[in-house]
Amino acid sequence: MARGSGRRWPRIADVRPFRSRLGRFTAAFDPAEATLLADLVDQVRTLLAQRGGGAEDDPLAGLTGMAVGPSTPPGDPAVARLLPAFHRDDEGLAAGLRMLREPEVIAAKDDAAVTLLDTLPRGGGTVRLTEQTARSWLVALNDVRLVFGVRLNITDDATPPAAAAADPRGPEYAMYLTYRWLSTIQESLVQAMLGDA
């Protein structure tokens, strides 16, 4: 994730939680929050698009029209976290499954990200989600959190990683606060959805 300078980093205390009303889930985002969230989701989309763009040429794909992905795991640990092994005990099977299924996983993650971006007012404002769009938000938020978690080497959500804790005014700490902000938004949406069930 990019390390911006001069950016207003969100504070957890500022999060206005999602609310459930009549089967809809709503929350307000100010312009800076909406811009930051859109930027982070776009960055994850870019990571996945770069991976999807590296697909291998396959004669079967040419004959069937079926999208085929790479057979090897991603080299970037954050992308590997987003696209884990499809089978842990058999490398050959894992490679074959990755080739066949990874394009679908990337497409589903991209669809969720696009849904979030389409329902997030870019200038700030109230987000209004159906259950279906809320599920897409959860996928997209989780993907951004996973990338942050790998980049910051987060092992415990409640404890800042060493690099962040060492300098509370540094970029790693700001990234950790953003990770916590994303976690709070995600948890708020989950709670609203569970309360509506």
C-alpha atoms as a PDB file:
ATOM      1  CA  MET A   1       0.000   0.000   0.000  1.00  0.00           C
ATOM      2  CA  ALA A   2       1.216   3.467  -0.747  1.00  0.00           C
ATOM      3  CA  ARG A   3       2.660   5.553   2.009  1.00  0.00           C
ATOM      4  CA  GLY A   4       1.230   9.011   1.530  1.00  0.00           C
ATOM      5  CA  SER A   5       2.718  12.108   3.046  1.00  0.00           C
ATOM      6  CA  GLY A   6       0.488  14.870   4.245  1.00  0.00           C
ATOM      7  CA  ARG A   7      -2.549  12.561   4.061  1.00  0.00           C
ATOM      8  CA  ARG A   8      -5.173  12.779   6.771  1.00  0.00           C
ATOM      9  CA  TRP A   9      -5.115   9.327   8.315  1.00  0.00           C
ATOM     10  CA  PRO A  10      -8.409   8.149   9.772  1.00  0.00           C
ATOM     11  CA  ARG A  11      -8.932   7.690  13.463  1.00  0.00           C
ATOM     12  CA  ILE A  12     -10.918   4.791  14.835  1.00  0.00           C
ATOM     13  CA  ALA A  13     -12.825   7.153  17.128  1.00  0.00           C
ATOM     14  CA  ASP A  14     -14.075   8.946  14.000  1.00  0.00           C
ATOM     15  CA  VAL A  15     -15.759   5.862  12.500  1.00  0.00           C
ATOM     16  CA  ARG A  16     -19.505   6.241  12.192  1.00  0.00           C
ATOM     17  CA  PRO A  17     -20.759   2.663  12.404  1.00  0.00           C
ATOM     18  CA  PHE A  18     -23.012   0.982   9.906  1.00  0.00           C
ATOM     19  CA  ARG A  19     -26.645   0.892  10.920  1.00  0.00           C
ATOM     20  CA  SER A  20     -29.317  -1.527   9.801  1.00  0.00           C
ATOM     21  CA  ARG A  21     -32.738  -0.279   8.840  1.00  0.00           C
ATOM     22  CA  LEU A  22     -35.385  -2.015   6.753  1.00  0.00           C
ATOM     23  CA  GLY A  23     -32.946  -4.427   5.154  1.00  0.00           C
ATOM     24  CA  ARG A  24     -30.442  -1.698   4.235  1.00  0.00           C
ATOM     25  CA  PHE A  25     -27.087  -0.953   5.810  1.00  0.00           C
ATOM     26  CA  THR A  26     -25.996   2.668   5.997  1.00  0.00           C
ATOM     27  CA  ALA A  27     -22.920   4.554   7.156  1.00  0.00           C
ATOM     28  CA  ALA A  28     -21.512   8.010   6.538  1.00  0.00           C
ATOM     29  CA  PHE A  29     -18.031   8.700   5.183  1.00  0.00           C
ATOM     30  CA  ASP A  30     -16.472  12.123   5.018  1.00  0.00           C
ATOM     31  CA  PRO A  31     -14.676  13.129   1.784  1.00  0.00           C
ATOM     32  CA  ALA A  32     -11.190  12.221   3.076  1.00  0.00           C
ATOM     33  CA  GLU A  33     -12.371   8.799   4.260  1.00  0.00           C
ATOM     34  CA  ALA A  34     -14.147   8.079   0.974  1.00  0.00           C
ATOM     35  CA  THR A  35     -11.074   9.125  -1.009  1.00  0.00           C
ATOM     36  CA  LEU A  36      -8.743   7.013   1.127  1.00  0.00           C
ATOM     37  CA  LEU A  37     -10.974   3.940   0.968  1.00  0.00           C
ATOM     38  CA  ALA A  38     -11.388   4.235  -2.809  1.00  0.00           C
ATOM     39  CA  ASP A  39      -7.619   4.651  -3.239  1.00  0.00           C
ATOM     40  CA  LEU A  40      -6.852   1.558  -1.147  1.00  0.00           C
ATOM     41  CA  VAL A  41      -9.410  -0.576  -2.984  1.00  0.00           C
ATOM     42  CA  ASP A  42      -7.993   0.612  -6.320  1.00  0.00           C
ATOM     43  CA  GLN A  43      -4.493  -0.391  -5.188  1.00  0.00           C
ATOM     44  CA  VAL A  44      -5.662  -3.927  -4.402  1.00  0.00           C
ATOM     45  CA  ARG A  45      -7.405  -4.087  -7.779  1.00  0.00           C
ATOM     46  CA  THR A  46      -4.120  -3.106  -9.421  1.00  0.00           C
ATOM     47  CA  LEU A  47      -2.213  -5.848  -7.563  1.00  0.00           C
ATOM     48  CA  LEU A  48      -4.737  -8.458  -8.674  1.00  0.00           C
ATOM     49  CA  ALA A  49      -4.896  -7.140 -12.251  1.00  0.00           C
ATOM     50  CA  GLN A  50      -1.118  -7.421 -12.524  1.00  0.00           C
ATOM     51  CA  ARG A  51      -1.360 -11.025 -11.388  1.00  0.00           C
ATOM     52  CA  GLY A  52      -4.261 -11.731 -13.762  1.00  0.00           C
ATOM     53  CA  GLY A  53      -2.364 -10.147 -16.624  1.00  0.00           C
ATOM     54  CA  GLY A  54       0.471 -12.644 -16.174  1.00  0.00           C
ATOM     55  CA  ALA A  55      -1.529 -15.667 -17.307  1.00  0.00           C
ATOM     56  CA  GLU A  56       0.258 -18.365 -19.234  1.00  0.00           C
ATOM     57  CA  ASP A  57      -0.545 -19.143 -22.862  1.00  0.00           C
ATOM     58  CA  ASP A  58      -2.345 -22.441 -22.993  1.00  0.00           C
ATOM     59  CA  PRO A  59      -3.487 -24.262 -26.144  1.00  0.00           C
ATOM     60  CA  LEU A  60      -6.540 -25.615 -24.304  1.00  0.00           C
ATOM     61  CA  ALA A  61      -7.554 -22.056 -23.389  1.00  0.00           C
ATOM     62  CA  GLY A  62      -7.316 -21.150 -27.072  1.00  0.00           C
ATOM     63  CA  LEU A  63      -9.605 -24.028 -28.004  1.00  0.00           C
ATOM     64  CA  THR A  64     -12.130 -23.714 -25.187  1.00  0.00           C
ATOM     65  CA  GLY A  65     -12.086 -19.969 -24.555  1.00  0.00           C
ATOM     66  CA  MET A  66     -11.695 -20.749 -20.872  1.00  0.00           C
ATOM     67  CA  ALA A  67      -9.491 -18.294 -18.972  1.00  0.00           C
ATOM     68  CA  VAL A  68      -6.353 -19.901 -17.611  1.00  0.00           C
ATOM     69  CA  GLY A  69      -4.153 -18.411 -14.916  1.00  0.00           C
ATOM     70  CA  PRO A  70      -0.566 -18.978 -13.878  1.00  0.00           C
ATOM     71  CA  SER A  71       0.295 -22.327 -12.324  1.00  0.00           C
ATOM     72  CA  THR A  72       2.812 -20.883  -9.862  1.00  0.00           C
ATOM     73  CA  PRO A  73       1.952 -19.070  -6.635  1.00  0.00           C
ATOM     74  CA  PRO A  74       2.342 -15.283  -6.592  1.00  0.00           C
ATOM     75  CA  GLY A  75       5.816 -14.016  -5.713  1.00  0.00           C
ATOM     76  CA  ASP A  76       4.455 -11.021  -3.792  1.00  0.00           C
ATOM     77  CA  PRO A  77       3.521 -12.233  -0.277  1.00  0.00           C
ATOM     78  CA  ALA A  78       0.509  -9.878  -0.139  1.00  0.00           C
ATOM     79  CA  VAL A  79      -0.880 -11.232  -3.415  1.00  0.00           C
ATOM     80  CA  ALA A  80      -0.126 -14.769  -2.213  1.00  0.00           C
ATOM     81  CA  ARG A  81      -2.262 -13.999   0.853  1.00  0.00           C
ATOM     82  CA  LEU A  82      -5.112 -12.916  -1.425  1.00  0.00           C
ATOM     83  CA  LEU A  83      -4.654 -15.984  -3.667  1.00  0.00           C
ATOM     84  CA  PRO A  84      -3.596 -18.866  -1.396  1.00  0.00           C
ATOM     85  CA  ALA A  85      -2.840 -22.406  -2.523  1.00  0.00           C
ATOM     86  CA  PHE A  86      -5.845 -24.350  -3.742  1.00  0.00           C
ATOM     87  CA  HIS A  87      -4.419 -27.613  -2.353  1.00  0.00           C
ATOM     88  CA  ARG A  88      -1.721 -27.774   0.308  1.00  0.00           C
ATOM     89  CA  ASP A  89      -0.658 -31.410   0.117  1.00  0.00           C
ATOM     90  CA  ASP A  90      -0.157 -31.921  -3.617  1.00  0.00           C
ATOM     91  CA  GLU A  91       1.882 -29.338  -5.549  1.00  0.00           C
ATOM     92  CA  GLY A  92       0.855 -30.688  -8.948  1.00  0.00           C
ATOM     93  CA  LEU A  93      -2.817 -30.609  -8.082  1.00  0.00           C
ATOM     94  CA  ALA A  94      -2.397 -27.148  -6.530  1.00  0.00           C
ATOM     95  CA  ALA A  95      -0.777 -25.874  -9.748  1.00  0.00           C
ATOM     96  CA  GLY A  96      -3.544 -27.304 -11.927  1.00  0.00           C
ATOM     97  CA  LEU A  97      -6.294 -25.951  -9.713  1.00  0.00           C
ATOM     98  CA  ARG A  98      -4.588 -22.548  -9.597  1.00  0.00           C
ATOM     99  CA  MET A  99      -4.463 -22.417 -13.416  1.00  0.00           C
ATOM    100  CA  LEU A 100      -8.154 -23.245 -13.674  1.00  0.00           C
ATOM    101  CA  ARG A 101      -9.608 -21.351 -10.706  1.00  0.00           C
ATOM    102  CA  GLU A 102      -7.403 -18.334 -10.048  1.00  0.00           C
ATOM    103  CA  PRO A 103      -8.915 -16.224 -12.868  1.00  0.00           C
ATOM    104  CA  GLU A 104     -12.374 -16.780 -11.338  1.00  0.00           C
ATOM    105  CA  VAL A 105     -11.140 -15.784  -7.877  1.00  0.00           C
ATOM    106  CA  ILE A 106      -9.504 -12.628  -9.239  1.00  0.00           C
ATOM    107  CA  ALA A 107     -12.674 -11.759 -11.168  1.00  0.00           C
ATOM    108  CA  ALA A 108     -14.843 -12.256  -8.064  1.00  0.00           C
ATOM    109  CA  LYS A 109     -12.531 -10.086  -5.966  1.00  0.00           C
ATOM    110  CA  ASP A 110     -12.539  -7.421  -8.668  1.00  0.00           C
ATOM    111  CA  ASP A 111     -16.347  -7.523  -8.888  1.00  0.00           C
ATOM    112  CA  ALA A 112     -16.560  -6.981  -5.116  1.00  0.00           C
ATOM    113  CA  ALA A 113     -14.117  -4.078  -5.322  1.00  0.00           C
ATOM    114  CA  VAL A 114     -16.055  -2.473  -8.187  1.00  0.00           C
ATOM    115  CA  THR A 115     -19.282  -2.812  -6.181  1.00  0.00           C
ATOM    116  CA  LEU A 116     -17.668  -1.050  -3.230  1.00  0.00           C
ATOM    117  CA  LEU A 117     -16.371   1.723  -5.484  1.00  0.00           C
ATOM    118  CA  ASP A 118     -19.736   2.089  -7.225  1.00  0.00           C
ATOM    119  CA  THR A 119     -21.623   2.436  -3.926  1.00  0.00           C
ATOM    120  CA  LEU A 120     -19.119   4.728  -2.175  1.00  0.00           C
ATOM    121  CA  PRO A 121     -19.867   8.425  -2.738  1.00  0.00           C
ATOM    122  CA  ARG A 122     -16.508   9.793  -3.937  1.00  0.00           C
ATOM    123  CA  GLY A 123     -17.120  13.179  -2.361  1.00  0.00           C
ATOM    124  CA  GLY A 124     -18.215  11.623   0.912  1.00  0.00           C
ATOM    125  CA  GLY A 125     -21.743  11.019   2.079  1.00  0.00           C
ATOM    126  CA  THR A 126     -24.000   8.178   3.114  1.00  0.00           C
ATOM    127  CA  VAL A 127     -23.444   4.659   1.836  1.00  0.00           C
ATOM    128  CA  ARG A 128     -26.632   2.621   1.410  1.00  0.00           C
ATOM    129  CA  LEU A 129     -26.125  -1.098   0.929  1.00  0.00           C
ATOM    130  CA  THR A 130     -28.365  -4.059   0.248  1.00  0.00           C
ATOM    131  CA  GLU A 131     -27.381  -7.412   1.701  1.00  0.00           C
ATOM    132  CA  GLN A 132     -25.729  -8.343  -1.601  1.00  0.00           C
ATOM    133  CA  THR A 133     -23.706  -5.133  -1.892  1.00  0.00           C
ATOM    134  CA  ALA A 134     -22.816  -5.377   1.812  1.00  0.00           C
ATOM    135  CA  ARG A 135     -21.307  -8.816   1.162  1.00  0.00           C
ATOM    136  CA  SER A 136     -19.212  -7.316  -1.629  1.00  0.00           C
ATOM    137  CA  TRP A 137     -18.048  -4.605   0.756  1.00  0.00           C
ATOM    138  CA  LEU A 138     -16.949  -7.267   3.253  1.00  0.00           C
ATOM    139  CA  VAL A 139     -14.900  -9.060   0.588  1.00  0.00           C
ATOM    140  CA  ALA A 140     -13.258  -5.851  -0.643  1.00  0.00           C
ATOM    141  CA  LEU A 141     -12.546  -4.538   2.866  1.00  0.00           C
ATOM    142  CA  ASN A 142     -11.058  -7.873   3.882  1.00  0.00           C
ATOM    143  CA  ASP A 143      -8.800  -7.934   0.825  1.00  0.00           C
ATOM    144  CA  VAL A 144      -7.430  -4.474   1.673  1.00  0.00           C
ATOM    145  CA  ARG A 145      -6.921  -5.550   5.290  1.00  0.00           C
ATOM    146  CA  LEU A 146      -5.082  -8.708   4.203  1.00  0.00           C
ATOM    147  CA  VAL A 147      -2.663  -6.671   2.090  1.00  0.00           C
ATOM    148  CA  PHE A 148      -2.042  -4.269   4.983  1.00  0.00           C
ATOM    149  CA  GLY A 149      -1.574  -7.193   7.351  1.00  0.00           C
ATOM    150  CA  VAL A 150       1.137  -8.728   5.176  1.00  0.00           C
ATOM    151  CA  ARG A 151       2.857  -5.414   4.411  1.00  0.00           C
ATOM    152  CA  LEU A 152       2.981  -4.509   8.114  1.00  0.00           C
ATOM    153  CA  ASN A 153       3.623  -8.064   9.344  1.00  0.00           C
ATOM    154  CA  ILE A 154       0.590  -7.907  11.623  1.00  0.00           C
ATOM    155  CA  THR A 155       0.127 -11.009  13.738  1.00  0.00           C
ATOM    156  CA  ASP A 156      -2.300  -9.574  16.302  1.00  0.00           C
ATOM    157  CA  ASP A 157      -4.942  -7.005  15.378  1.00  0.00           C
ATOM    158  CA  ALA A 158      -4.754  -5.260  18.744  1.00  0.00           C
ATOM    159  CA  THR A 159      -0.968  -4.850  18.910  1.00  0.00           C
ATOM    160  CA  PRO A 160       0.931  -2.535  16.573  1.00  0.00           C
ATOM    161  CA  PRO A 161       3.766  -4.291  14.718  1.00  0.00           C
ATOM    162  CA  ALA A 162       7.278  -3.458  15.919  1.00  0.00           C
ATOM    163  CA  ALA A 163       8.031  -0.983  13.114  1.00  0.00           C
ATOM    164  CA  ALA A 164       4.800   0.910  13.801  1.00  0.00           C
ATOM    165  CA  ALA A 165       5.243   0.889  17.572  1.00  0.00           C
ATOM    166  CA  ALA A 166       8.815   2.190  17.259  1.00  0.00           C
ATOM    167  CA  ASP A 167       7.680   5.493  15.741  1.00  0.00           C
ATOM    168  CA  PRO A 168       4.115   6.621  16.503  1.00  0.00           C
ATOM    169  CA  ARG A 169       4.550   9.490  14.033  1.00  0.00           C
ATOM    170  CA  GLY A 170       5.983   7.377  11.219  1.00  0.00           C
ATOM    171  CA  PRO A 171       4.321   5.983   8.105  1.00  0.00           C
ATOM    172  CA  GLU A 172       4.099   2.422   9.466  1.00  0.00           C
ATOM    173  CA  TYR A 173       2.080   3.627  12.441  1.00  0.00           C
ATOM    174  CA  ALA A 174      -0.215   5.612  10.141  1.00  0.00           C
ATOM    175  CA  MET A 175      -0.662   2.469   8.040  1.00  0.00           C
ATOM    176  CA  TYR A 176      -1.439   0.491  11.196  1.00  0.00           C
ATOM    177  CA  LEU A 177      -4.081   3.062  12.193  1.00  0.00           C
ATOM    178  CA  THR A 178      -5.576   2.728   8.720  1.00  0.00           C
ATOM    179  CA  TYR A 179      -5.605  -1.061   9.105  1.00  0.00           C
ATOM    180  CA  ARG A 180      -7.456  -0.673  12.421  1.00  0.00           C
ATOM    181  CA  TRP A 181      -9.872   1.816  10.821  1.00  0.00           C
ATOM    182  CA  LEU A 182     -10.649  -0.685   8.044  1.00  0.00           C
ATOM    183  CA  SER A 183     -11.125  -3.421  10.648  1.00  0.00           C
ATOM    184  CA  THR A 184     -13.571  -1.238  12.567  1.00  0.00           C
ATOM    185  CA  ILE A 185     -15.584  -0.485   9.429  1.00  0.00           C
ATOM    186  CA  GLN A 186     -15.681  -4.180   8.545  1.00  0.00           C
ATOM    187  CA  GLU A 187     -16.710  -5.221  12.064  1.00  0.00           C
ATOM    188  CA  SER A 188     -19.386  -2.527  12.124  1.00  0.00           C
ATOM    189  CA  LEU A 189     -20.864  -3.839   8.878  1.00  0.00           C
ATOM    190  CA  VAL A 190     -20.748  -7.445  10.099  1.00  0.00           C
ATOM    191  CA  GLN A 191     -22.534  -6.459  13.313  1.00  0.00           C
ATOM    192  CA  ALA A 192     -25.194  -4.529  11.382  1.00  0.00           C
ATOM    193  CA  MET A 193     -25.772  -7.529   9.112  1.00  0.00           C
ATOM    194  CA  LEU A 194     -25.965  -9.956  12.042  1.00  0.00           C
ATOM    195  CA  GLY A 195     -28.391  -7.670  13.824  1.00  0.00           C
ATOM    196  CA  ASP A 196     -30.594  -7.686  10.737  1.00  0.00           C
ATOM    197  CA  ALA A 197     -30.634 -11.501  10.477  1.00  0.00           C
END
